[in-house]
Amino acid sequence: MSPTNTPKLTAQDKKWMAQDDARVLISAGVIQDDRARLSRAIKEVKNIASQKEKEAKAAKKVAKVPMSKNPKTKK
């Protein structure tokens, strides 16, 4: 389901997207067949997820602070 404000894709855009998706799927298959490479990728995914969790926690903390009390925001 796409958001209503997303522009419609042209036929060429759809073709490019399909080609890119095909390359991604091929790469995923190659990675999944190489246990060592897959293991390293999974380790990196966990690192990325951990960093994103920290960023989300910080964002939630900032979102709870009223603008007038946020020391880095000027009126």
C-alpha atoms as a PDB file:
ATOM      1  CA  MET A   1       0.000   0.000   0.000  1.00  0.00           C
ATOM      2  CA  SER A   2       1.507   3.357  -0.995  1.00  0.00           C
ATOM      3  CA  PRO A   3       0.781   6.704   0.633  1.00  0.00           C
ATOM      4  CA  THR A   4      -1.611   8.959  -1.254  1.00  0.00           C
ATOM      5  CA  ASN A   5       1.004  11.709  -1.615  1.00  0.00           C
ATOM      6  CA  THR A   6       3.448   9.426  -3.447  1.00  0.00           C
ATOM      7  CA  PRO A   7       3.735  10.293  -7.128  1.00  0.00           C
ATOM      8  CA  LYS A   8       2.688   7.601  -9.573  1.00  0.00           C
ATOM      9  CA  LEU A   9       5.561   5.674 -11.079  1.00  0.00           C
ATOM     10  CA  THR A  10       6.091   5.756 -14.807  1.00  0.00           C
ATOM     11  CA  ALA A  11       6.516   2.525 -16.735  1.00  0.00           C
ATOM     12  CA  GLN A  12      10.263   3.237 -16.922  1.00  0.00           C
ATOM     13  CA  ASP A  13      10.440   3.842 -13.161  1.00  0.00           C
ATOM     14  CA  LYS A  14       8.667   0.535 -12.555  1.00  0.00           C
ATOM     15  CA  LYS A  15      11.095  -1.247 -14.872  1.00  0.00           C
ATOM     16  CA  TRP A  16      14.124   0.290 -13.114  1.00  0.00           C
ATOM     17  CA  MET A  17      12.650  -0.627  -9.738  1.00  0.00           C
ATOM     18  CA  ALA A  18      12.053  -4.205 -10.859  1.00  0.00           C
ATOM     19  CA  GLN A  19      15.621  -4.444 -12.155  1.00  0.00           C
ATOM     20  CA  ASP A  20      17.001  -3.080  -8.894  1.00  0.00           C
ATOM     21  CA  ASP A  21      14.797  -5.428  -6.856  1.00  0.00           C
ATOM     22  CA  ALA A  22      16.034  -8.346  -8.966  1.00  0.00           C
ATOM     23  CA  ARG A  23      19.670  -7.407  -8.234  1.00  0.00           C
ATOM     24  CA  VAL A  24      18.901  -7.136  -4.516  1.00  0.00           C
ATOM     25  CA  LEU A  25      17.224 -10.561  -4.499  1.00  0.00           C
ATOM     26  CA  ILE A  26      20.151 -12.109  -6.359  1.00  0.00           C
ATOM     27  CA  SER A  27      22.605 -10.588  -3.876  1.00  0.00           C
ATOM     28  CA  ALA A  28      20.507 -11.833  -0.967  1.00  0.00           C
ATOM     29  CA  GLY A  29      20.576 -15.337  -2.392  1.00  0.00           C
ATOM     30  CA  VAL A  30      24.356 -15.236  -2.789  1.00  0.00           C
ATOM     31  CA  ILE A  31      24.776 -14.002   0.796  1.00  0.00           C
ATOM     32  CA  GLN A  32      22.409 -16.653   2.173  1.00  0.00           C
ATOM     33  CA  ASP A  33      24.430 -19.386   0.470  1.00  0.00           C
ATOM     34  CA  ASP A  34      27.690 -18.212   2.091  1.00  0.00           C
ATOM     35  CA  ARG A  35      27.498 -19.038   5.810  1.00  0.00           C
ATOM     36  CA  ALA A  36      30.464 -16.882   6.831  1.00  0.00           C
ATOM     37  CA  ARG A  37      29.216 -13.897   4.853  1.00  0.00           C
ATOM     38  CA  LEU A  38      25.698 -14.353   6.209  1.00  0.00           C
ATOM     39  CA  SER A  39      27.036 -14.522   9.754  1.00  0.00           C
ATOM     40  CA  ARG A  40      28.964 -11.262   9.299  1.00  0.00           C
ATOM     41  CA  ALA A  41      25.913  -9.592   7.764  1.00  0.00           C
ATOM     42  CA  ILE A  42      23.689 -10.688  10.646  1.00  0.00           C
ATOM     43  CA  LYS A  43      26.220  -9.299  13.116  1.00  0.00           C
ATOM     44  CA  GLU A  44      26.115  -5.948  11.304  1.00  0.00           C
ATOM     45  CA  VAL A  45      22.316  -5.975  11.227  1.00  0.00           C
ATOM     46  CA  LYS A  46      22.344  -6.387  15.005  1.00  0.00           C
ATOM     47  CA  ASN A  47      24.784  -3.454  15.344  1.00  0.00           C
ATOM     48  CA  ILE A  48      22.605  -1.295  13.112  1.00  0.00           C
ATOM     49  CA  ALA A  49      19.465  -2.276  15.031  1.00  0.00           C
ATOM     50  CA  SER A  50      21.149  -1.420  18.327  1.00  0.00           C
ATOM     51  CA  GLN A  51      22.191   1.999  17.038  1.00  0.00           C
ATOM     52  CA  LYS A  52      18.717   2.691  15.664  1.00  0.00           C
ATOM     53  CA  GLU A  53      17.192   1.742  19.033  1.00  0.00           C
ATOM     54  CA  LYS A  54      19.479   4.272  20.745  1.00  0.00           C
ATOM     55  CA  GLU A  55      18.486   6.930  18.214  1.00  0.00           C
ATOM     56  CA  ALA A  56      14.800   6.161  18.694  1.00  0.00           C
ATOM     57  CA  LYS A  57      15.164   6.368  22.468  1.00  0.00           C
ATOM     58  CA  ALA A  58      16.887   9.751  22.151  1.00  0.00           C
ATOM     59  CA  ALA A  59      14.206  10.979  19.741  1.00  0.00           C
ATOM     60  CA  LYS A  60      11.436   9.955  22.133  1.00  0.00           C
ATOM     61  CA  LYS A  61      13.219  11.718  24.969  1.00  0.00           C
ATOM     62  CA  VAL A  62      13.537  14.933  22.939  1.00  0.00           C
ATOM     63  CA  ALA A  63       9.928  14.705  21.782  1.00  0.00           C
ATOM     64  CA  LYS A  64       8.748  14.733  25.396  1.00  0.00           C
ATOM     65  CA  VAL A  65      10.640  17.942  26.235  1.00  0.00           C
ATOM     66  CA  PRO A  66       8.641  21.124  25.628  1.00  0.00           C
ATOM     67  CA  MET A  67      10.395  23.420  23.142  1.00  0.00           C
ATOM     68  CA  SER A  68      10.868  26.151  25.749  1.00  0.00           C
ATOM     69  CA  LYS A  69      12.779  23.737  28.000  1.00  0.00           C
ATOM     70  CA  ASN A  70      14.959  22.219  25.268  1.00  0.00           C
ATOM     71  CA  PRO A  71      18.382  23.843  25.854  1.00  0.00           C
ATOM     72  CA  LYS A  72      19.437  23.483  22.216  1.00  0.00           C
ATOM     73  CA  THR A  73      16.362  25.255  20.837  1.00  0.00           C
ATOM     74  CA  LYS A  74      16.137  29.035  20.677  1.00  0.00           C
ATOM     75  CA  LYS A  75      12.882  30.957  20.610  1.00  0.00           C
END
